[in-house]
Amino acid sequence: MFTINKKQVAMARVLGVAIVAALGLASCATYDDEFAGINSRLDQLDTRVQGAAQSAESANQSAQQANQRLDQMESRVRQLEAAPRRVPRG
């Protein structure tokens, strides 16, 4: 029969811990790749958000200018409507 002594049990434990540690460290390397991919995607999204913010700011400025022009036109229309009517000649 085959008997297991304390030395063999200790060696099996050491090997088990070494295998678990090796697998743990190997999986960390794949996480590094995943984190790099995620960071790259976040950078791309950040760039797109900044571009959208700039476009929104530009659109806001254009809208403000259009509103100012509309206010000027509205004032002029009110002046024309309030002016006395001319009687046609002839």
N, C-alpha and C. Protein backbone atom coordinates (compact mmCIF):
# COMPACT_ATOMS: atom_id res chain seq x y z
N MET A 1 0.80 -1.18 0.00
CA MET A 1 0.00 0.00 0.00
C MET A 1 0.85 1.25 0.00
N PHE A 2 0.19 2.31 -0.41
CA PHE A 2 0.89 3.58 -0.49
C PHE A 2 0.48 4.43 0.70
N THR A 3 1.44 4.94 1.43
CA THR A 3 1.15 5.78 2.59
C THR A 3 1.71 7.18 2.35
N ILE A 4 0.97 8.17 2.86
CA ILE A 4 1.38 9.56 2.70
C ILE A 4 1.93 10.03 4.04
N ASN A 5 3.14 10.58 4.01
CA ASN A 5 3.71 11.07 5.25
C ASN A 5 3.58 12.60 5.32
N LYS A 6 3.97 13.19 6.43
CA LYS A 6 3.83 14.63 6.67
C LYS A 6 4.62 15.44 5.66
N LYS A 7 5.76 14.91 5.24
CA LYS A 7 6.59 15.65 4.28
C LYS A 7 5.88 15.77 2.93
N GLN A 8 5.23 14.73 2.51
CA GLN A 8 4.50 14.76 1.23
C GLN A 8 3.28 15.68 1.30
N VAL A 9 2.60 15.70 2.45
CA VAL A 9 1.46 16.59 2.63
C VAL A 9 1.92 18.06 2.57
N ALA A 10 3.04 18.35 3.23
CA ALA A 10 3.58 19.70 3.22
C ALA A 10 3.97 20.10 1.81
N MET A 11 4.58 19.20 1.07
CA MET A 11 4.99 19.48 -0.31
C MET A 11 3.76 19.72 -1.19
N ALA A 12 2.70 18.96 -0.99
CA ALA A 12 1.47 19.13 -1.76
C ALA A 12 0.85 20.50 -1.47
N ARG A 13 0.88 20.92 -0.20
CA ARG A 13 0.35 22.24 0.15
C ARG A 13 1.16 23.35 -0.53
N VAL A 14 2.46 23.23 -0.49
CA VAL A 14 3.33 24.23 -1.11
C VAL A 14 3.05 24.31 -2.61
N LEU A 15 2.93 23.16 -3.24
CA LEU A 15 2.64 23.14 -4.68
C LEU A 15 1.25 23.75 -4.96
N GLY A 16 0.28 23.45 -4.13
CA GLY A 16 -1.07 23.99 -4.30
C GLY A 16 -1.07 25.51 -4.19
N VAL A 17 -0.37 26.02 -3.18
CA VAL A 17 -0.29 27.47 -3.01
C VAL A 17 0.44 28.09 -4.20
N ALA A 18 1.50 27.46 -4.67
CA ALA A 18 2.25 27.98 -5.81
C ALA A 18 1.38 28.02 -7.07
N ILE A 19 0.58 26.99 -7.27
CA ILE A 19 -0.29 26.94 -8.45
C ILE A 19 -1.34 28.05 -8.37
N VAL A 20 -1.96 28.21 -7.21
CA VAL A 20 -2.96 29.25 -7.03
C VAL A 20 -2.34 30.63 -7.24
N ALA A 21 -1.15 30.85 -6.69
CA ALA A 21 -0.47 32.13 -6.85
C ALA A 21 -0.14 32.40 -8.31
N ALA A 22 0.34 31.38 -9.01
CA ALA A 22 0.68 31.53 -10.43
C ALA A 22 -0.56 31.87 -11.26
N LEU A 23 -1.66 31.21 -10.98
CA LEU A 23 -2.90 31.50 -11.71
C LEU A 23 -3.39 32.91 -11.39
N GLY A 24 -3.26 33.31 -10.15
CA GLY A 24 -3.67 34.66 -9.76
C GLY A 24 -2.85 35.73 -10.47
N LEU A 25 -1.55 35.53 -10.53
CA LEU A 25 -0.69 36.50 -11.19
C LEU A 25 -0.92 36.51 -12.70
N ALA A 26 -1.18 35.36 -13.27
CA ALA A 26 -1.43 35.29 -14.71
C ALA A 26 -2.72 36.02 -15.05
N SER A 27 -3.72 35.93 -14.18
CA SER A 27 -4.99 36.61 -14.47
C SER A 27 -4.83 38.12 -14.34
N CYS A 28 -3.91 38.61 -13.53
CA CYS A 28 -3.68 40.06 -13.40
C CYS A 28 -3.20 40.65 -14.72
N ALA A 29 -2.42 39.91 -15.47
CA ALA A 29 -1.92 40.40 -16.74
C ALA A 29 -3.07 40.63 -17.71
N THR A 30 -4.07 39.75 -17.70
CA THR A 30 -5.21 39.95 -18.60
C THR A 30 -6.03 41.15 -18.15
N TYR A 31 -6.11 41.40 -16.85
CA TYR A 31 -6.82 42.58 -16.37
C TYR A 31 -6.13 43.85 -16.85
N ASP A 32 -4.81 43.85 -16.91
CA ASP A 32 -4.09 45.02 -17.40
C ASP A 32 -4.52 45.35 -18.82
N ASP A 33 -4.64 44.31 -19.65
CA ASP A 33 -5.08 44.52 -21.03
C ASP A 33 -6.51 45.06 -21.07
N GLU A 34 -7.37 44.50 -20.22
CA GLU A 34 -8.76 44.96 -20.19
C GLU A 34 -8.84 46.41 -19.72
N PHE A 35 -8.06 46.76 -18.70
CA PHE A 35 -8.05 48.13 -18.20
C PHE A 35 -7.53 49.08 -19.27
N ALA A 36 -6.53 48.67 -20.01
CA ALA A 36 -6.00 49.51 -21.08
C ALA A 36 -7.07 49.75 -22.15
N GLY A 37 -7.82 48.72 -22.48
CA GLY A 37 -8.90 48.87 -23.45
C GLY A 37 -10.00 49.79 -22.95
N ILE A 38 -10.36 49.63 -21.70
CA ILE A 38 -11.39 50.48 -21.10
C ILE A 38 -10.92 51.93 -21.05
N ASN A 39 -9.68 52.14 -20.66
CA ASN A 39 -9.13 53.51 -20.61
C ASN A 39 -9.12 54.15 -21.99
N SER A 40 -8.81 53.36 -23.00
CA SER A 40 -8.80 53.87 -24.37
C SER A 40 -10.21 54.30 -24.79
N ARG A 41 -11.20 53.48 -24.46
CA ARG A 41 -12.58 53.82 -24.79
C ARG A 41 -13.04 55.07 -24.03
N LEU A 42 -12.63 55.18 -22.77
CA LEU A 42 -12.99 56.37 -21.99
C LEU A 42 -12.35 57.63 -22.59
N ASP A 43 -11.12 57.51 -23.06
CA ASP A 43 -10.46 58.66 -23.70
C ASP A 43 -11.22 59.07 -24.96
N GLN A 44 -11.65 58.09 -25.74
CA GLN A 44 -12.41 58.39 -26.96
C GLN A 44 -13.73 59.08 -26.62
N LEU A 45 -14.41 58.57 -25.60
CA LEU A 45 -15.67 59.18 -25.19
C LEU A 45 -15.45 60.60 -24.68
N ASP A 46 -14.37 60.80 -23.94
CA ASP A 46 -14.06 62.14 -23.43
C ASP A 46 -13.84 63.11 -24.58
N THR A 47 -13.14 62.68 -25.60
CA THR A 47 -12.90 63.52 -26.78
C THR A 47 -14.22 63.87 -27.46
N ARG A 48 -15.10 62.88 -27.58
CA ARG A 48 -16.40 63.12 -28.22
C ARG A 48 -17.25 64.08 -27.38
N VAL A 49 -17.22 63.92 -26.08
CA VAL A 49 -18.00 64.80 -25.20
C VAL A 49 -17.48 66.23 -25.29
N GLN A 50 -16.17 66.40 -25.32
CA GLN A 50 -15.60 67.74 -25.46
C GLN A 50 -16.00 68.38 -26.78
N GLY A 51 -15.99 67.59 -27.85
CA GLY A 51 -16.42 68.10 -29.16
C GLY A 51 -17.89 68.50 -29.15
N ALA A 52 -18.71 67.68 -28.50
CA ALA A 52 -20.14 68.00 -28.42
C ALA A 52 -20.36 69.26 -27.59
N ALA A 53 -19.58 69.42 -26.52
CA ALA A 53 -19.71 70.62 -25.68
C ALA A 53 -19.33 71.87 -26.47
N GLN A 54 -18.28 71.77 -27.28
CA GLN A 54 -17.88 72.92 -28.10
C GLN A 54 -18.95 73.25 -29.14
N SER A 55 -19.54 72.22 -29.74
CA SER A 55 -20.61 72.45 -30.71
C SER A 55 -21.81 73.09 -30.04
N ALA A 56 -22.14 72.63 -28.84
CA ALA A 56 -23.27 73.20 -28.11
C ALA A 56 -23.01 74.66 -27.76
N GLU A 57 -21.80 74.97 -27.36
CA GLU A 57 -21.45 76.35 -27.02
C GLU A 57 -21.56 77.24 -28.26
N SER A 58 -21.08 76.74 -29.38
CA SER A 58 -21.17 77.51 -30.63
C SER A 58 -22.63 77.73 -31.03
N ALA A 59 -23.45 76.70 -30.90
CA ALA A 59 -24.87 76.83 -31.22
C ALA A 59 -25.55 77.82 -30.27
N ASN A 60 -25.16 77.80 -29.02
CA ASN A 60 -25.72 78.73 -28.04
C ASN A 60 -25.39 80.18 -28.40
N GLN A 61 -24.16 80.42 -28.80
CA GLN A 61 -23.76 81.77 -29.20
C GLN A 61 -24.53 82.23 -30.44
N SER A 62 -24.69 81.32 -31.39
CA SER A 62 -25.45 81.67 -32.60
C SER A 62 -26.90 81.98 -32.24
N ALA A 63 -27.47 81.21 -31.34
CA ALA A 63 -28.86 81.45 -30.93
C ALA A 63 -28.99 82.80 -30.22
N GLN A 64 -28.01 83.15 -29.39
CA GLN A 64 -28.06 84.44 -28.72
C GLN A 64 -27.99 85.59 -29.72
N GLN A 65 -27.13 85.45 -30.72
CA GLN A 65 -27.02 86.49 -31.75
C GLN A 65 -28.34 86.60 -32.53
N ALA A 66 -28.94 85.47 -32.84
CA ALA A 66 -30.21 85.49 -33.56
C ALA A 66 -31.30 86.14 -32.71
N ASN A 67 -31.31 85.86 -31.42
CA ASN A 67 -32.30 86.48 -30.53
C ASN A 67 -32.11 87.99 -30.45
N GLN A 68 -30.86 88.44 -30.41
CA GLN A 68 -30.60 89.88 -30.38
C GLN A 68 -31.12 90.54 -31.66
N ARG A 69 -30.85 89.90 -32.77
CA ARG A 69 -31.31 90.45 -34.06
C ARG A 69 -32.83 90.47 -34.12
N LEU A 70 -33.45 89.43 -33.61
CA LEU A 70 -34.91 89.37 -33.58
C LEU A 70 -35.48 90.48 -32.70
N ASP A 71 -34.86 90.72 -31.56
CA ASP A 71 -35.30 91.81 -30.68
C ASP A 71 -35.21 93.16 -31.39
N GLN A 72 -34.14 93.37 -32.14
CA GLN A 72 -33.98 94.62 -32.88
C GLN A 72 -35.08 94.77 -33.94
N MET A 73 -35.36 93.69 -34.62
CA MET A 73 -36.39 93.72 -35.67
C MET A 73 -37.77 93.95 -35.04
N GLU A 74 -38.01 93.31 -33.92
CA GLU A 74 -39.31 93.47 -33.26
C GLU A 74 -39.52 94.92 -32.83
N SER A 75 -38.47 95.54 -32.31
CA SER A 75 -38.55 96.96 -31.92
C SER A 75 -38.87 97.82 -33.14
N ARG A 76 -38.24 97.58 -34.23
CA ARG A 76 -38.47 98.36 -35.46
C ARG A 76 -39.89 98.14 -35.98
N VAL A 77 -40.40 96.91 -35.91
CA VAL A 77 -41.77 96.62 -36.37
C VAL A 77 -42.76 97.38 -35.50
N ARG A 78 -42.53 97.41 -34.20
CA ARG A 78 -43.43 98.15 -33.30
C ARG A 78 -43.44 99.65 -33.64
N GLN A 79 -42.29 100.19 -33.96
CA GLN A 79 -42.21 101.61 -34.34
C GLN A 79 -43.02 101.86 -35.61
N LEU A 80 -42.88 100.98 -36.57
CA LEU A 80 -43.62 101.14 -37.84
C LEU A 80 -45.11 101.00 -37.63
N GLU A 81 -45.52 100.08 -36.77
CA GLU A 81 -46.94 99.89 -36.52
C GLU A 81 -47.53 101.07 -35.74
N ALA A 82 -46.74 101.70 -34.90
CA ALA A 82 -47.22 102.83 -34.10
C ALA A 82 -47.20 104.14 -34.87
N ALA A 83 -46.51 104.19 -35.97
CA ALA A 83 -46.41 105.43 -36.76
C ALA A 83 -47.78 105.76 -37.37
N PRO A 84 -48.07 107.04 -37.51
CA PRO A 84 -49.37 107.41 -38.12
C PRO A 84 -49.43 106.95 -39.57
N ARG A 85 -50.64 106.60 -39.97
CA ARG A 85 -50.83 106.10 -41.34
C ARG A 85 -50.76 107.27 -42.32
N ARG A 86 -50.17 107.00 -43.43
CA ARG A 86 -50.10 108.03 -44.48
C ARG A 86 -51.33 107.95 -45.35
N VAL A 87 -51.77 109.06 -45.72
CA VAL A 87 -52.91 109.13 -46.63
C VAL A 87 -52.36 109.12 -48.05
N PRO A 88 -52.85 108.24 -48.88
CA PRO A 88 -52.34 108.21 -50.25
C PRO A 88 -52.71 109.49 -51.02
N ARG A 89 -51.81 109.94 -51.84
CA ARG A 89 -52.08 111.11 -52.67
C ARG A 89 -52.72 110.68 -53.97
N GLY A 90 -53.54 111.52 -54.42
CA GLY A 90 -54.06 111.40 -55.73
C GLY A 90 -55.21 110.60 -55.95
